[in-house]
Amino acid sequence: MSSLIENYGTLADAKGKRISESERMYLNGESKEQMAHAAAIKAAGGVSLNKADGNDTSKDQVWKLDQSTSAERTDTYVLVTTIIWLGIKLPLMAIPMLLANTPALLIARLYIACLPPGTQRVKRSPVFYCAFSLALILSLPAAALILLSLALDSVVYYLFSGIYCTALCRWSNLLAGWEKIEPYRNGPSIILHLPDFFVAVMGQCARQGFTDTMYMVSVMWMLMPWLKYYICCNPWVYDLDHRLCQQISTSMKDLGPPSKVADMARKIISRAVQRDERTHRINSWSFVPHYPFPPPDRRWALGLQSGGAAYPGKFTLIVHTTHAESRAGGCDEQFVLSNSCEQPIYRVMLWYSNPFHFLTGWVEASVSTGMPSQPVKTLGGEHPMWLVTGRNPMIAGRDAFTGSGMIDAFFDYWLPVFVHEMRRTTWENKLRKEGEENWGEKAKDYADEMYEEVNSKDGVSSPNGIVGREKYDGKDTLSIYAEMKKARTRQHAVKDKVSHLSATECGQGIAKLQQQDDACASQ
């Protein structure tokens, strides 16, 4: 087993003990409806509930867009009404929301600043709960604004949606859409797991600094509920269905066996505190996932995804992440929906009951076989997404500003950068252990030599055959991110000064108190 995650319970501890369905669902963060839906898809082949779609999960499900005039009019209605509503709400709420979020985010930033690079998990010690309680009290104004924003969104959502549904007499379509959404209702409560969110925010502060995180969290509270319920998953307006979008990176078989590839992904994504140079690289990405290791009594925890390359389009998203490596509670049961999975790493649930992610569905992150449609990508990283979406271009097209098609295209753009970081970090560790001089530069050179992007399209996004960054003439995604990194030199310097509190005698003393044993297993 990996040493990265603390396996509070082992299968040996649970000898003779049978995990009940209710215990398993608690440990994994599951619901009966969710798992029944996943099992039905698996029984039908793995792509969808329709057996005719087959069992090849190594490529995108065929998804024909509705290019009709009526679909265009629907998209126009949704877009115009969105501009009207957000044009009123955002200017009024932006500054109060930013100010209200500042105190609690500042506590999170200072707390994580005392923990040294390499810290795997923020332990939920008595000191942690003191800091969390203070942050919670200081968050009350922000909570009031968040509830106000949600209430106003709900009123306007039903107003605009009801008008459209009534005008076109879409009541039967509405009922069918609710049926598609049903498996993703009633996910684990965010409010009852706020310590998870506090831990995840700390990790994002350590990666992206206080200012960026504070801004992105504030945008999430104000924007994501509307984007999710009114645009991306609105049964009043759109005909919804279940769609599989599969993204598989180029091969990483040079990094070692699947377990090693999975371990490295966890080091980058789940580790609480990274060293300075890696945080500088990660901070330039337009997608930064952070799925903290869960607390002692369960296999899942809230995580955060940050998105957007530049202001004002930067934001965070809340997700529910089940960690395949965890054996908390004597359970290691990880239902895997993908048929092309070699080794699971995470299940990332995008619950409909979670207002703070714009998509709805079941997502996995795993090491892939690439089979049967993409064998050249064996031991690549796969990211299949079974999403609730429509067929209108604005929510399903690859060129759209949001939705299932956009996210499919985006991961084709981003995954080569993540693979480069995986390869670079693996070789840094390897060369440093071997006593090589200039191990950092050599690791980067090797990762640059192996860099390859894909031909992004629906179905199968095949490797483009251009191997080596020098052959892209500075037009590769990583070069774009490198320019962003240069532009943030001053920001990184400020973040590093705060982070280096962990190197002071005072910071080290505080860290010892912070990282005492978990005080409350259930949180």
Protein backbone atom coordinates (compact mmCIF):
# COMPACT_ATOMS: atom_id res chain seq x y z
CA MET A 1 0.00 0.00 0.00
CA SER A 2 1.04 3.57 -0.62
CA SER A 3 2.59 5.50 2.25
CA LEU A 4 0.96 8.71 1.07
CA ILE A 5 -2.44 8.18 2.64
CA GLU A 6 -2.97 7.30 6.27
CA ASN A 7 -4.93 4.05 6.32
CA TYR A 8 -6.62 4.47 9.66
CA GLY A 9 -8.38 1.11 9.35
CA THR A 10 -7.06 -1.88 7.45
CA LEU A 11 -8.75 -4.94 6.07
CA ALA A 12 -6.85 -7.00 8.64
CA ASP A 13 -8.45 -4.97 11.43
CA ALA A 14 -11.86 -5.81 9.98
CA LYS A 15 -11.37 -9.60 9.75
CA GLY A 16 -14.68 -11.32 10.20
CA LYS A 17 -16.49 -7.98 10.05
CA ARG A 18 -18.89 -7.41 7.20
CA ILE A 19 -19.38 -3.85 6.04
CA SER A 20 -23.09 -3.17 5.66
CA GLU A 21 -24.48 -1.16 2.76
CA SER A 22 -25.23 1.80 5.02
CA GLU A 23 -21.71 1.72 6.49
CA ARG A 24 -20.17 1.54 3.02
CA MET A 25 -22.26 4.46 1.79
CA TYR A 26 -21.23 6.53 4.80
CA LEU A 27 -17.55 5.71 4.32
CA ASN A 28 -17.66 6.42 0.57
CA GLY A 29 -20.06 9.37 0.57
CA GLU A 30 -22.70 7.54 -1.50
CA SER A 31 -26.47 7.36 -1.86
CA LYS A 32 -28.69 4.43 -2.84
CA GLU A 33 -30.02 6.21 -5.92
CA GLN A 34 -26.53 7.17 -7.08
CA MET A 35 -25.14 3.64 -6.78
CA ALA A 36 -28.21 2.02 -8.33
CA HIS A 37 -27.83 4.36 -11.30
CA ALA A 38 -24.12 3.55 -11.68
CA ALA A 39 -24.83 -0.18 -11.43
CA ALA A 40 -27.51 0.13 -14.13
CA ILE A 41 -25.09 1.89 -16.47
CA LYS A 42 -22.45 -0.76 -15.80
CA ALA A 43 -24.96 -3.54 -16.49
CA ALA A 44 -25.92 -1.87 -19.78
CA GLY A 45 -22.27 -1.83 -20.90
CA GLY A 46 -20.74 1.14 -19.09
CA VAL A 47 -21.39 3.97 -21.53
CA SER A 48 -25.03 4.76 -20.77
CA LEU A 49 -28.32 3.19 -19.77
CA ASN A 50 -28.85 2.32 -23.43
CA LYS A 51 -27.23 -1.03 -24.28
CA ALA A 52 -26.95 0.10 -27.89
CA ASP A 53 -24.20 2.52 -26.82
CA GLY A 54 -21.97 -0.48 -26.10
CA ASN A 55 -19.20 -0.96 -23.56
CA ASP A 56 -16.31 1.10 -24.94
CA THR A 57 -15.62 3.70 -22.24
CA SER A 58 -12.22 4.56 -23.71
CA LYS A 59 -13.82 7.10 -26.06
CA ASP A 60 -16.57 9.72 -25.96
CA GLN A 61 -20.16 8.65 -26.32
CA VAL A 62 -21.61 9.70 -29.67
CA TRP A 63 -23.47 12.93 -28.95
CA LYS A 64 -25.26 14.71 -31.78
CA LEU A 65 -25.84 18.40 -31.14
CA ASP A 66 -29.22 19.99 -31.82
CA GLN A 67 -28.40 22.62 -34.43
CA SER A 68 -32.04 23.56 -35.08
CA THR A 69 -33.43 27.08 -35.05
CA SER A 70 -35.45 26.28 -31.94
CA ALA A 71 -32.28 25.20 -30.10
CA GLU A 72 -30.60 28.44 -31.11
CA ARG A 73 -33.55 30.42 -29.80
CA THR A 74 -33.46 28.52 -26.52
CA ASP A 75 -29.76 29.27 -26.06
CA THR A 76 -30.39 32.91 -26.89
CA TYR A 77 -33.19 33.13 -24.32
CA VAL A 78 -31.00 31.58 -21.61
CA LEU A 79 -28.04 33.80 -22.48
CA VAL A 80 -30.03 37.06 -22.62
CA THR A 81 -31.88 36.40 -19.36
CA THR A 82 -28.56 35.43 -17.74
CA ILE A 83 -26.97 38.71 -18.82
CA ILE A 84 -29.96 40.64 -17.47
CA TRP A 85 -29.91 38.93 -14.06
CA LEU A 86 -26.16 38.70 -13.47
CA GLY A 87 -25.75 42.22 -14.80
CA ILE A 88 -27.89 43.34 -11.86
CA LYS A 89 -26.70 40.94 -9.16
CA LEU A 90 -22.93 40.78 -9.59
CA PRO A 91 -22.18 44.53 -9.42
CA LEU A 92 -24.26 44.82 -6.26
CA MET A 93 -22.83 41.78 -4.48
CA ALA A 94 -19.20 41.58 -5.66
CA ILE A 95 -17.49 43.97 -3.24
CA PRO A 96 -19.53 42.98 -0.15
CA MET A 97 -18.84 39.29 -0.91
CA LEU A 98 -15.10 39.87 -1.30
CA LEU A 99 -14.93 41.81 1.95
CA ALA A 100 -17.06 39.28 3.84
CA ASN A 101 -14.84 36.37 2.77
CA THR A 102 -11.56 38.07 3.65
CA PRO A 103 -11.29 37.36 7.44
CA ALA A 104 -11.93 33.60 7.27
CA LEU A 105 -9.69 33.12 4.22
CA LEU A 106 -6.94 35.05 5.99
CA ILE A 107 -7.10 32.60 8.92
CA ALA A 108 -6.85 29.68 6.49
CA ARG A 109 -3.84 31.26 4.79
CA LEU A 110 -1.96 31.93 8.02
CA TYR A 111 -2.75 28.45 9.36
CA ILE A 112 -1.33 26.62 6.34
CA ALA A 113 1.67 28.98 6.26
CA CYS A 114 2.97 27.35 9.44
CA LEU A 115 3.00 23.85 7.92
CA PRO A 116 6.23 22.89 6.13
CA PRO A 117 6.48 21.81 2.47
CA GLY A 118 5.79 18.09 2.16
CA THR A 119 2.99 18.06 4.74
CA GLN A 120 0.60 15.40 3.48
CA ARG A 121 -2.53 16.16 5.46
CA VAL A 122 -3.82 18.93 7.70
CA LYS A 123 -4.68 17.07 10.91
CA ARG A 124 -7.88 18.01 12.67
CA SER A 125 -6.33 18.67 16.03
CA PRO A 126 -7.68 20.84 18.87
CA VAL A 127 -5.73 23.79 17.40
CA PHE A 128 -7.36 23.13 14.03
CA TYR A 129 -10.83 23.27 15.56
CA CYS A 130 -10.02 26.49 17.39
CA ALA A 131 -8.96 28.08 14.09
CA PHE A 132 -11.97 26.61 12.29
CA SER A 133 -14.39 27.89 14.94
CA LEU A 134 -12.94 31.39 14.72
CA ALA A 135 -13.13 31.31 10.91
CA LEU A 136 -16.72 30.07 11.11
CA ILE A 137 -17.77 32.95 13.36
CA LEU A 138 -16.03 35.48 11.12
CA SER A 139 -17.76 33.90 8.10
CA LEU A 140 -21.28 34.71 9.32
CA PRO A 141 -21.57 37.87 7.17
CA ALA A 142 -20.37 35.87 4.15
CA ALA A 143 -22.87 33.11 4.96
CA ALA A 144 -25.69 35.65 5.03
CA LEU A 145 -24.64 36.97 1.62
CA ILE A 146 -24.34 33.44 0.20
CA LEU A 147 -27.85 32.55 1.38
CA LEU A 148 -29.20 35.84 0.00
CA SER A 149 -27.53 35.15 -3.35
CA LEU A 150 -28.98 31.63 -3.48
CA ALA A 151 -32.46 32.87 -2.54
CA LEU A 152 -32.42 35.59 -5.21
CA ASP A 153 -31.10 33.14 -7.80
CA SER A 154 -33.90 30.73 -6.94
CA VAL A 155 -36.61 33.35 -7.39
CA VAL A 156 -35.26 34.50 -10.75
CA TYR A 157 -34.56 30.90 -11.82
CA TYR A 158 -38.19 29.88 -11.33
CA LEU A 159 -39.41 33.12 -12.93
CA PHE A 160 -37.43 32.84 -16.17
CA SER A 161 -37.64 29.02 -16.33
CA GLY A 162 -41.36 28.99 -15.59
CA ILE A 163 -42.08 31.56 -18.28
CA TYR A 164 -40.21 29.52 -20.88
CA CYS A 165 -41.66 26.17 -19.83
CA THR A 166 -45.22 27.53 -19.78
CA ALA A 167 -44.89 29.32 -23.12
CA LEU A 168 -43.68 26.16 -24.86
CA CYS A 169 -45.77 23.74 -22.74
CA ARG A 170 -42.70 21.67 -21.74
CA TRP A 171 -44.20 20.00 -18.67
CA SER A 172 -43.58 16.44 -19.85
CA ASN A 173 -39.99 17.39 -20.77
CA LEU A 174 -39.57 18.85 -17.30
CA LEU A 175 -40.65 15.61 -15.64
CA ALA A 176 -38.28 13.60 -17.88
CA GLY A 177 -35.42 15.95 -16.99
CA TRP A 178 -36.07 15.58 -13.27
CA GLU A 179 -35.84 11.83 -13.72
CA LYS A 180 -32.38 12.20 -15.28
CA ILE A 181 -31.25 14.37 -12.36
CA GLU A 182 -32.68 12.12 -9.63
CA PRO A 183 -29.57 9.89 -9.07
CA TYR A 184 -27.52 12.97 -8.23
CA ARG A 185 -29.74 14.48 -5.56
CA ASN A 186 -29.14 14.07 -1.82
CA GLY A 187 -25.36 13.99 -1.79
CA PRO A 188 -23.49 14.44 1.52
CA SER A 189 -24.14 17.83 3.06
CA ILE A 190 -21.56 20.56 2.51
CA ILE A 191 -22.76 22.46 5.58
CA LEU A 192 -22.25 19.43 7.84
CA HIS A 193 -18.71 18.98 6.50
CA LEU A 194 -17.43 22.56 6.64
CA PRO A 195 -14.13 21.44 8.25
CA ASP A 196 -13.46 19.63 4.95
CA PHE A 197 -13.98 22.89 3.09
CA PHE A 198 -11.66 24.73 5.50
CA VAL A 199 -8.92 22.15 4.85
CA ALA A 200 -9.41 22.37 1.08
CA VAL A 201 -9.27 26.18 1.15
CA MET A 202 -6.00 25.96 3.09
CA GLY A 203 -4.53 23.75 0.39
CA GLN A 204 -5.59 26.14 -2.35
CA CYS A 205 -4.14 29.08 -0.40
CA ALA A 206 -0.83 27.20 -0.19
CA ARG A 207 -0.91 26.66 -3.96
CA GLN A 208 -2.33 29.94 -5.24
CA GLY A 209 -1.95 32.45 -2.45
CA PHE A 210 -4.45 34.40 -0.39
CA THR A 211 -5.63 36.97 -2.95
CA ASP A 212 -6.36 34.52 -5.75
CA THR A 213 -8.13 32.06 -3.45
CA MET A 214 -10.23 34.74 -1.78
CA TYR A 215 -11.35 36.10 -5.15
CA MET A 216 -12.08 32.66 -6.64
CA VAL A 217 -14.08 31.47 -3.63
CA SER A 218 -16.14 34.68 -3.69
CA VAL A 219 -16.90 34.21 -7.39
CA MET A 220 -17.96 30.63 -6.71
CA TRP A 221 -20.56 31.68 -4.13
CA MET A 222 -22.06 34.27 -6.48
CA LEU A 223 -21.87 32.62 -9.90
CA MET A 224 -21.84 28.81 -9.76
CA PRO A 225 -25.42 28.16 -8.55
CA TRP A 226 -26.80 30.13 -11.49
CA LEU A 227 -24.43 28.52 -13.96
CA LYS A 228 -25.36 25.05 -12.70
CA TYR A 229 -29.10 25.23 -12.23
CA TYR A 230 -30.19 27.77 -14.85
CA ILE A 231 -27.71 27.06 -17.67
CA CYS A 232 -25.97 23.69 -17.51
CA CYS A 233 -28.65 21.48 -15.94
CA ASN A 234 -32.03 23.14 -16.38
CA PRO A 235 -34.88 20.66 -17.11
CA TRP A 236 -37.38 23.51 -17.49
CA VAL A 237 -35.58 24.74 -20.58
CA TYR A 238 -33.40 21.90 -21.93
CA ASP A 239 -34.04 18.24 -22.76
CA LEU A 240 -31.57 16.51 -20.44
CA ASP A 241 -29.86 13.15 -20.78
CA HIS A 242 -26.75 11.28 -19.56
CA ARG A 243 -23.55 11.78 -21.60
CA LEU A 244 -20.15 10.11 -21.30
CA CYS A 245 -17.18 12.36 -22.06
CA GLN A 246 -13.83 10.55 -21.80
CA GLN A 247 -10.42 12.21 -21.71
CA ILE A 248 -7.24 10.11 -21.64
CA SER A 249 -3.77 11.65 -21.51
CA THR A 250 -0.79 10.40 -23.46
CA SER A 251 1.00 7.39 -21.97
CA MET A 252 2.99 7.64 -18.75
CA LYS A 253 4.35 4.08 -18.81
CA ASP A 254 7.90 5.47 -18.40
CA LEU A 255 6.95 6.55 -14.86
CA GLY A 256 6.67 2.99 -13.59
CA PRO A 257 3.81 0.61 -12.77
CA PRO A 258 0.23 1.90 -12.32
CA SER A 259 0.63 2.16 -8.54
CA LYS A 260 3.58 4.54 -8.95
CA VAL A 261 1.67 6.67 -11.45
CA ALA A 262 -1.28 6.84 -9.05
CA ASP A 263 0.99 7.76 -6.12
CA MET A 264 2.53 10.63 -8.05
CA ALA A 265 -0.89 11.98 -9.00
CA ARG A 266 -1.84 11.97 -5.30
CA LYS A 267 1.37 13.80 -4.39
CA ILE A 268 0.50 16.61 -6.78
CA ILE A 269 -3.25 16.80 -6.16
CA SER A 270 -3.83 15.73 -2.53
CA ARG A 271 -0.67 16.75 -0.65
CA ALA A 272 -1.50 19.73 1.57
CA VAL A 273 1.70 21.76 1.07
CA GLN A 274 4.01 21.71 -1.96
CA ARG A 275 7.46 23.23 -2.24
CA ASP A 276 7.79 26.76 -3.66
CA GLU A 277 8.85 26.00 -7.23
CA ARG A 278 6.03 23.50 -7.77
CA THR A 279 3.42 25.90 -6.39
CA HIS A 280 4.70 28.53 -8.84
CA ARG A 281 4.14 26.13 -11.74
CA ILE A 282 0.77 24.94 -10.47
CA ASN A 283 -0.40 28.50 -9.87
CA SER A 284 -0.03 29.24 -13.58
CA TRP A 285 -2.41 26.45 -14.59
CA SER A 286 -5.97 27.28 -15.63
CA PHE A 287 -7.18 24.24 -13.67
CA VAL A 288 -5.84 23.36 -10.22
CA PRO A 289 -7.51 20.39 -8.49
CA HIS A 290 -6.91 19.86 -4.78
CA TYR A 291 -8.55 16.82 -3.17
CA PRO A 292 -7.25 16.68 0.43
CA PHE A 293 -6.81 13.30 2.09
CA PRO A 294 -9.97 12.47 4.07
CA PRO A 295 -10.32 12.45 7.87
CA PRO A 296 -9.91 9.21 9.85
CA ASP A 297 -13.44 7.86 9.73
CA ARG A 298 -14.27 7.99 6.00
CA ARG A 299 -12.88 7.50 2.52
CA TRP A 300 -14.22 10.72 1.04
CA ALA A 301 -13.83 14.44 1.67
CA LEU A 302 -14.75 17.74 0.09
CA GLY A 303 -12.20 19.06 -2.39
CA LEU A 304 -11.73 22.16 -4.49
CA GLN A 305 -11.05 22.76 -8.16
CA SER A 306 -9.88 26.18 -9.24
CA GLY A 307 -10.42 27.25 -12.82
CA GLY A 308 -9.81 30.18 -15.12
CA ALA A 309 -6.55 31.56 -16.47
CA ALA A 310 -7.01 35.24 -15.71
CA TYR A 311 -9.24 37.77 -13.95
CA PRO A 312 -12.20 38.21 -13.93
CA GLY A 313 -12.84 34.63 -15.07
CA LYS A 314 -11.21 32.84 -12.12
CA PHE A 315 -13.26 30.69 -9.75
CA THR A 316 -13.28 27.65 -7.49
CA LEU A 317 -15.63 24.64 -7.45
CA ILE A 318 -16.56 22.30 -4.60
CA VAL A 319 -16.47 18.54 -5.24
CA HIS A 320 -17.02 15.38 -3.18
CA THR A 321 -14.02 13.09 -3.67
CA THR A 322 -13.73 9.41 -2.71
CA HIS A 323 -10.12 8.21 -2.42
CA ALA A 324 -9.57 4.73 -3.86
CA GLU A 325 -6.45 4.13 -1.75
CA SER A 326 -8.12 4.72 1.61
CA ARG A 327 -9.12 1.79 3.83
CA ALA A 328 -10.81 3.81 6.52
CA GLY A 329 -13.34 1.79 8.46
CA GLY A 330 -11.91 -1.45 7.12
CA CYS A 331 -13.39 -0.74 3.67
CA ASP A 332 -11.60 -0.57 0.34
CA GLU A 333 -14.65 -0.99 -1.90
CA GLN A 334 -14.41 1.44 -4.81
CA PHE A 335 -17.06 0.93 -7.48
CA VAL A 336 -15.44 1.77 -10.83
CA LEU A 337 -17.72 2.61 -13.74
CA SER A 338 -15.06 2.84 -16.44
CA ASN A 339 -14.16 -0.33 -18.33
CA SER A 340 -10.78 1.12 -19.34
CA CYS A 341 -9.54 1.73 -15.79
CA GLU A 342 -6.21 0.10 -14.87
CA GLN A 343 -6.05 1.54 -11.35
CA PRO A 344 -8.54 3.93 -9.74
CA ILE A 345 -7.33 7.05 -7.93
CA TYR A 346 -10.39 9.22 -7.23
CA ARG A 347 -14.13 9.26 -7.72
CA VAL A 348 -15.22 12.90 -8.00
CA MET A 349 -18.95 13.38 -7.49
CA LEU A 350 -20.66 16.46 -8.90
CA TRP A 351 -23.92 16.24 -6.99
CA TYR A 352 -26.97 18.16 -8.20
CA SER A 353 -27.49 19.03 -4.54
CA ASN A 354 -24.11 20.83 -4.57
CA PRO A 355 -24.79 24.36 -5.89
CA PHE A 356 -21.11 25.18 -6.08
CA HIS A 357 -20.09 23.18 -9.14
CA PHE A 358 -21.54 24.02 -12.53
CA LEU A 359 -21.74 20.38 -13.70
CA THR A 360 -23.79 17.40 -12.49
CA GLY A 361 -22.61 13.82 -12.74
CA TRP A 362 -20.20 11.01 -11.85
CA VAL A 363 -16.48 11.51 -12.60
CA GLU A 364 -13.48 9.22 -12.16
CA ALA A 365 -9.75 9.91 -12.25
CA SER A 366 -7.68 6.78 -12.84
CA VAL A 367 -4.70 5.22 -14.54
CA SER A 368 -5.99 3.92 -17.87
CA THR A 369 -5.52 0.85 -20.04
CA GLY A 370 -6.62 2.93 -23.04
CA MET A 371 -8.48 -0.13 -24.29
CA PRO A 372 -10.02 -0.77 -26.66
CA SER A 373 -10.02 2.47 -28.66
CA GLN A 374 -6.81 4.15 -27.42
CA PRO A 375 -4.17 1.45 -26.70
CA VAL A 376 -1.38 3.91 -27.50
CA LYS A 377 -2.37 5.75 -24.32
CA THR A 378 -1.82 2.81 -21.97
CA LEU A 379 -0.98 4.00 -18.43
CA GLY A 380 -2.17 7.47 -19.30
CA GLY A 381 -4.44 9.32 -16.93
CA GLU A 382 -8.13 8.93 -17.73
CA HIS A 383 -10.93 11.25 -16.68
CA PRO A 384 -14.30 9.84 -17.74
CA MET A 385 -17.33 11.99 -16.92
CA TRP A 386 -20.92 10.74 -16.98
CA LEU A 387 -22.74 14.09 -17.03
CA VAL A 388 -26.34 15.26 -17.04
CA THR A 389 -26.53 17.65 -19.97
CA GLY A 390 -28.52 18.62 -23.05
CA ARG A 391 -27.77 18.70 -26.76
CA ASN A 392 -27.94 22.45 -27.35
CA PRO A 393 -24.66 23.97 -28.60
CA MET A 394 -24.36 26.40 -25.65
CA ILE A 395 -24.23 23.61 -23.06
CA ALA A 396 -22.84 20.69 -25.09
CA GLY A 397 -20.63 22.17 -27.83
CA ARG A 398 -16.84 22.01 -27.62
CA ASP A 399 -16.59 25.73 -28.43
CA ALA A 400 -19.14 26.79 -25.78
CA PHE A 401 -18.23 28.85 -22.72
CA THR A 402 -19.59 26.18 -20.37
CA GLY A 403 -21.07 22.69 -20.28
CA SER A 404 -20.15 19.12 -21.16
CA GLY A 405 -18.52 19.71 -24.55
CA MET A 406 -16.42 22.61 -23.30
CA ILE A 407 -15.06 20.61 -20.37
CA ASP A 408 -14.22 17.69 -22.69
CA ALA A 409 -12.19 20.00 -24.93
CA PHE A 410 -10.57 21.74 -21.98
CA PHE A 411 -9.08 18.56 -20.55
CA ASP A 412 -7.51 17.75 -23.92
CA TYR A 413 -5.81 21.16 -23.56
CA TRP A 414 -4.78 20.77 -19.90
CA LEU A 415 -3.82 17.11 -19.51
CA PRO A 416 -0.48 17.43 -21.41
CA VAL A 417 0.59 19.98 -18.78
CA PHE A 418 -0.36 17.66 -15.93
CA VAL A 419 1.53 14.78 -17.58
CA HIS A 420 4.59 17.05 -17.88
CA GLU A 421 4.39 17.80 -14.15
CA MET A 422 3.97 14.11 -13.33
CA ARG A 423 7.01 13.20 -15.43
CA ARG A 424 9.12 16.11 -14.17
CA THR A 425 8.39 15.38 -10.50
CA THR A 426 9.00 11.64 -10.92
CA TRP A 427 12.39 12.26 -12.51
CA GLU A 428 13.31 14.90 -9.92
CA ASN A 429 12.77 12.33 -7.17
CA LYS A 430 14.61 9.63 -9.09
CA LEU A 431 17.67 11.74 -10.00
CA ARG A 432 17.91 13.32 -6.55
CA LYS A 433 17.96 9.88 -4.90
CA GLU A 434 20.67 8.79 -7.34
CA GLY A 435 22.82 11.77 -6.32
CA GLU A 436 22.74 13.43 -9.74
CA GLU A 437 23.92 17.02 -10.01
CA ASN A 438 21.48 19.55 -11.48
CA TRP A 439 18.71 17.01 -11.00
CA GLY A 440 16.01 19.68 -11.34
CA GLU A 441 17.19 20.87 -14.74
CA LYS A 442 17.71 17.34 -16.00
CA ALA A 443 14.22 16.33 -14.91
CA LYS A 444 12.71 19.33 -16.69
CA ASP A 445 14.70 18.58 -19.84
CA TYR A 446 13.46 15.00 -19.88
CA ALA A 447 9.84 16.08 -19.35
CA ASP A 448 10.24 18.65 -22.16
CA GLU A 449 11.63 16.00 -24.51
CA MET A 450 8.62 13.72 -23.86
CA TYR A 451 5.95 16.45 -24.07
CA GLU A 452 3.11 15.70 -26.50
CA GLU A 453 -0.34 17.18 -27.10
CA VAL A 454 -3.41 15.63 -28.75
CA ASN A 455 -5.71 16.31 -31.68
CA SER A 456 -8.70 17.48 -29.67
CA LYS A 457 -12.04 16.29 -31.02
CA ASP A 458 -15.15 14.33 -30.10
CA GLY A 459 -14.73 10.57 -29.96
CA VAL A 460 -11.00 9.90 -29.69
CA SER A 461 -8.43 12.69 -29.22
CA SER A 462 -5.36 10.95 -30.62
CA PRO A 463 -1.75 11.99 -29.86
CA ASN A 464 -0.63 14.54 -32.44
CA GLY A 465 2.77 12.86 -32.96
CA ILE A 466 4.74 16.04 -32.17
CA VAL A 467 7.01 14.93 -29.33
CA GLY A 468 9.24 17.53 -27.67
CA ARG A 469 8.37 21.08 -26.59
CA GLU A 470 10.95 22.64 -28.90
CA LYS A 471 8.87 21.45 -31.88
CA TYR A 472 5.85 23.52 -30.85
CA ASP A 473 7.60 26.89 -31.43
CA GLY A 474 6.33 28.26 -28.12
CA LYS A 475 2.67 27.55 -28.97
CA ASP A 476 2.21 24.59 -26.61
CA THR A 477 -0.04 24.90 -23.58
CA LEU A 478 2.88 24.69 -21.18
CA SER A 479 4.59 27.68 -22.83
CA ILE A 480 1.40 29.70 -22.40
CA TYR A 481 1.35 28.76 -18.71
CA ALA A 482 5.07 29.59 -18.44
CA GLU A 483 4.32 33.14 -19.60
CA MET A 484 1.61 33.40 -16.95
CA LYS A 485 4.13 32.22 -14.37
CA LYS A 486 6.55 35.00 -15.36
CA ALA A 487 3.79 37.58 -15.06
CA ARG A 488 3.14 36.46 -11.49
CA THR A 489 6.70 36.77 -10.20
CA ARG A 490 5.82 39.46 -7.67
CA GLN A 491 2.75 37.53 -6.49
CA HIS A 492 4.88 34.40 -6.01
CA ALA A 493 7.47 36.39 -4.01
CA VAL A 494 4.78 37.61 -1.60
CA LYS A 495 3.26 34.12 -1.29
CA ASP A 496 6.68 32.60 -0.61
CA LYS A 497 7.40 35.07 2.18
CA VAL A 498 4.17 34.10 3.92
CA SER A 499 4.79 30.38 3.31
CA HIS A 500 8.28 30.62 4.79
CA LEU A 501 6.73 31.24 8.20
CA SER A 502 6.96 27.45 8.46
CA ALA A 503 10.77 27.72 8.46
CA THR A 504 10.90 30.05 11.47
CA GLU A 505 11.23 28.83 15.04
CA CYS A 506 7.80 30.29 15.82
CA GLY A 507 6.21 28.58 12.80
CA GLN A 508 7.75 25.23 13.68
CA GLY A 509 6.43 25.44 17.21
CA ILE A 510 2.93 26.28 15.99
CA ALA A 511 3.08 23.43 13.46
CA LYS A 512 3.76 20.91 16.23
CA LEU A 513 0.58 22.01 17.95
CA GLN A 514 -1.37 22.03 14.69
CA GLN A 515 -0.35 18.52 13.71
CA GLN A 516 -1.28 16.76 16.94
CA ASP A 517 -3.58 13.76 16.60
CA ASP A 518 -7.06 14.27 15.17
CA ALA A 519 -9.40 15.43 17.91
CA CYS A 520 -12.64 14.40 16.22
CA ALA A 521 -12.68 11.47 13.82
CA SER A 522 -16.09 12.28 12.40
CA GLN A 523 -15.09 15.68 11.11
